[in-house]
Amino acid sequence: MAVLKVIEVLANSDKSWEDATKKAVGHTSKSVKNIRSVYVNEQSASVDDGKISEFRVNVKITFEIK
């Protein structure tokens, strides 16, 4: 039986929500090992002068505890 833990991570990108998600996983993987999945819980964006200036994601990252 595996023991899994879920943490919530916020990340942003000036490119896309996908890029923000990749940044969340990449940064988290530097200190958390055995990541199994990522769930995008929420997406939002900042708007400046009628254009999206920043994409934001709130993700849940699941990893196995050894």
N, C-alpha and C. Protein backbone atom coordinates (compact mmCIF):
# COMPACT_ATOMS: atom_id res chain seq x y z
N MET A 1 0.84 -1.18 0.00
CA MET A 1 0.00 0.00 0.00
C MET A 1 0.89 1.25 0.00
N ALA A 2 0.55 2.22 -0.83
CA ALA A 2 1.30 3.47 -0.91
C ALA A 2 0.63 4.54 -0.05
N VAL A 3 1.46 5.37 0.55
CA VAL A 3 0.96 6.52 1.29
C VAL A 3 1.24 7.76 0.45
N LEU A 4 0.17 8.51 0.14
CA LEU A 4 0.29 9.68 -0.70
C LEU A 4 -0.03 10.94 0.09
N LYS A 5 0.60 12.03 -0.28
CA LYS A 5 0.35 13.32 0.35
C LYS A 5 0.04 14.32 -0.75
N VAL A 6 -0.84 15.27 -0.44
CA VAL A 6 -1.22 16.31 -1.40
C VAL A 6 -0.86 17.67 -0.82
N ILE A 7 -0.18 18.48 -1.64
CA ILE A 7 0.12 19.86 -1.24
C ILE A 7 -0.48 20.80 -2.28
N GLU A 8 -0.75 22.00 -1.85
CA GLU A 8 -1.31 23.02 -2.75
C GLU A 8 -0.21 24.03 -3.09
N VAL A 9 -0.07 24.34 -4.37
CA VAL A 9 0.99 25.22 -4.84
C VAL A 9 0.37 26.28 -5.77
N LEU A 10 0.82 27.51 -5.62
CA LEU A 10 0.41 28.60 -6.49
C LEU A 10 1.58 28.95 -7.40
N ALA A 11 1.30 29.19 -8.68
CA ALA A 11 2.36 29.55 -9.62
C ALA A 11 1.82 30.51 -10.66
N ASN A 12 2.73 31.23 -11.33
CA ASN A 12 2.31 32.16 -12.36
C ASN A 12 3.27 32.13 -13.55
N SER A 13 2.78 32.67 -14.67
CA SER A 13 3.58 32.72 -15.90
C SER A 13 3.06 33.88 -16.74
N ASP A 14 3.93 34.46 -17.52
CA ASP A 14 3.48 35.49 -18.46
C ASP A 14 3.13 34.88 -19.82
N LYS A 15 3.27 33.54 -19.96
CA LYS A 15 3.01 32.87 -21.23
C LYS A 15 1.64 32.20 -21.29
N SER A 16 1.36 31.27 -20.31
CA SER A 16 0.11 30.50 -20.37
C SER A 16 -0.15 29.79 -19.05
N TRP A 17 -1.36 29.26 -18.92
CA TRP A 17 -1.69 28.46 -17.74
C TRP A 17 -0.88 27.16 -17.75
N GLU A 18 -0.67 26.61 -18.94
CA GLU A 18 0.14 25.39 -19.05
C GLU A 18 1.56 25.64 -18.56
N ASP A 19 2.14 26.76 -18.95
CA ASP A 19 3.49 27.10 -18.51
C ASP A 19 3.53 27.31 -17.00
N ALA A 20 2.51 27.95 -16.44
CA ALA A 20 2.44 28.14 -14.99
C ALA A 20 2.38 26.80 -14.27
N THR A 21 1.63 25.85 -14.83
CA THR A 21 1.53 24.51 -14.23
C THR A 21 2.88 23.80 -14.29
N LYS A 22 3.56 23.90 -15.42
CA LYS A 22 4.89 23.29 -15.55
C LYS A 22 5.87 23.91 -14.56
N LYS A 23 5.78 25.21 -14.35
CA LYS A 23 6.65 25.87 -13.38
C LYS A 23 6.36 25.39 -11.96
N ALA A 24 5.09 25.19 -11.64
CA ALA A 24 4.71 24.70 -10.31
C ALA A 24 5.31 23.33 -10.05
N VAL A 25 5.18 22.43 -11.02
CA VAL A 25 5.72 21.08 -10.86
C VAL A 25 7.25 21.11 -10.85
N GLY A 26 7.84 21.89 -11.74
CA GLY A 26 9.31 21.97 -11.80
C GLY A 26 9.92 22.50 -10.52
N HIS A 27 9.35 23.55 -9.99
CA HIS A 27 9.89 24.14 -8.76
C HIS A 27 9.67 23.21 -7.57
N THR A 28 8.49 22.59 -7.50
CA THR A 28 8.19 21.68 -6.40
C THR A 28 9.08 20.45 -6.44
N SER A 29 9.40 19.95 -7.63
CA SER A 29 10.21 18.74 -7.76
C SER A 29 11.65 18.94 -7.27
N LYS A 30 12.07 20.19 -7.06
CA LYS A 30 13.40 20.44 -6.51
C LYS A 30 13.50 20.03 -5.04
N SER A 31 12.37 20.06 -4.34
CA SER A 31 12.39 19.71 -2.91
C SER A 31 11.48 18.53 -2.56
N VAL A 32 10.60 18.15 -3.45
CA VAL A 32 9.67 17.04 -3.20
C VAL A 32 9.93 15.94 -4.23
N LYS A 33 10.17 14.74 -3.76
CA LYS A 33 10.43 13.62 -4.66
C LYS A 33 9.17 12.76 -4.82
N ASN A 34 9.16 11.90 -5.80
CA ASN A 34 8.10 10.93 -6.05
C ASN A 34 6.76 11.58 -6.37
N ILE A 35 6.78 12.68 -7.15
CA ILE A 35 5.52 13.32 -7.57
C ILE A 35 4.80 12.38 -8.51
N ARG A 36 3.52 12.17 -8.23
CA ARG A 36 2.71 11.24 -9.02
C ARG A 36 1.74 11.96 -9.96
N SER A 37 1.19 13.09 -9.53
CA SER A 37 0.21 13.78 -10.37
C SER A 37 0.07 15.24 -9.97
N VAL A 38 -0.54 16.00 -10.88
CA VAL A 38 -0.86 17.40 -10.61
C VAL A 38 -2.31 17.63 -11.06
N TYR A 39 -3.06 18.31 -10.24
CA TYR A 39 -4.45 18.62 -10.52
C TYR A 39 -4.60 20.15 -10.53
N VAL A 40 -5.03 20.70 -11.64
CA VAL A 40 -5.23 22.15 -11.72
C VAL A 40 -6.57 22.46 -11.06
N ASN A 41 -6.48 23.08 -9.90
CA ASN A 41 -7.66 23.36 -9.08
C ASN A 41 -8.35 24.65 -9.53
N GLU A 42 -7.56 25.64 -9.91
CA GLU A 42 -8.13 26.94 -10.26
C GLU A 42 -7.19 27.68 -11.20
N GLN A 43 -7.77 28.44 -12.12
CA GLN A 43 -7.00 29.27 -13.04
C GLN A 43 -7.51 30.70 -12.95
N SER A 44 -6.60 31.66 -13.04
CA SER A 44 -6.99 33.06 -13.08
C SER A 44 -5.94 33.82 -13.87
N ALA A 45 -6.24 35.09 -14.14
CA ALA A 45 -5.29 35.90 -14.91
C ALA A 45 -5.38 37.36 -14.47
N SER A 46 -4.27 38.07 -14.60
CA SER A 46 -4.24 39.51 -14.37
C SER A 46 -4.36 40.20 -15.72
N VAL A 47 -5.07 41.32 -15.74
CA VAL A 47 -5.27 42.05 -16.99
C VAL A 47 -4.76 43.48 -16.83
N ASP A 48 -3.96 43.93 -17.79
CA ASP A 48 -3.47 45.30 -17.85
C ASP A 48 -3.76 45.87 -19.23
N ASP A 49 -4.38 47.01 -19.28
CA ASP A 49 -4.72 47.68 -20.55
C ASP A 49 -5.48 46.76 -21.51
N GLY A 50 -6.40 45.97 -20.97
CA GLY A 50 -7.23 45.11 -21.81
C GLY A 50 -6.56 43.86 -22.32
N LYS A 51 -5.35 43.57 -21.81
CA LYS A 51 -4.63 42.36 -22.24
C LYS A 51 -4.19 41.57 -21.03
N ILE A 52 -4.16 40.25 -21.19
CA ILE A 52 -3.70 39.39 -20.10
C ILE A 52 -2.20 39.59 -19.91
N SER A 53 -1.82 39.92 -18.68
CA SER A 53 -0.41 40.16 -18.39
C SER A 53 0.22 39.02 -17.60
N GLU A 54 -0.61 38.22 -16.93
CA GLU A 54 -0.07 37.12 -16.12
C GLU A 54 -1.13 36.03 -15.94
N PHE A 55 -0.71 34.79 -16.15
CA PHE A 55 -1.57 33.63 -15.95
C PHE A 55 -1.23 33.02 -14.60
N ARG A 56 -2.24 32.65 -13.83
CA ARG A 56 -2.02 32.08 -12.50
C ARG A 56 -2.75 30.75 -12.37
N VAL A 57 -2.12 29.83 -11.67
CA VAL A 57 -2.77 28.54 -11.38
C VAL A 57 -2.63 28.20 -9.90
N ASN A 58 -3.62 27.53 -9.41
CA ASN A 58 -3.60 26.95 -8.07
C ASN A 58 -3.70 25.45 -8.32
N VAL A 59 -2.63 24.71 -8.01
CA VAL A 59 -2.59 23.27 -8.31
C VAL A 59 -2.44 22.45 -7.05
N LYS A 60 -2.90 21.22 -7.12
CA LYS A 60 -2.68 20.25 -6.07
C LYS A 60 -1.70 19.21 -6.62
N ILE A 61 -0.60 19.04 -5.92
CA ILE A 61 0.43 18.09 -6.35
C ILE A 61 0.44 16.91 -5.39
N THR A 62 0.32 15.71 -5.95
CA THR A 62 0.29 14.49 -5.16
C THR A 62 1.63 13.78 -5.29
N PHE A 63 2.17 13.35 -4.14
CA PHE A 63 3.43 12.62 -4.17
C PHE A 63 3.39 11.47 -3.16
N GLU A 64 4.22 10.48 -3.43
CA GLU A 64 4.26 9.28 -2.57
C GLU A 64 5.29 9.48 -1.47
N ILE A 65 4.91 9.08 -0.27
CA ILE A 65 5.81 9.13 0.88
C ILE A 65 6.43 7.73 1.00
N LYS A 66 7.73 7.69 0.98
CA LYS A 66 8.44 6.38 1.08
C LYS A 66 8.78 6.07 2.51
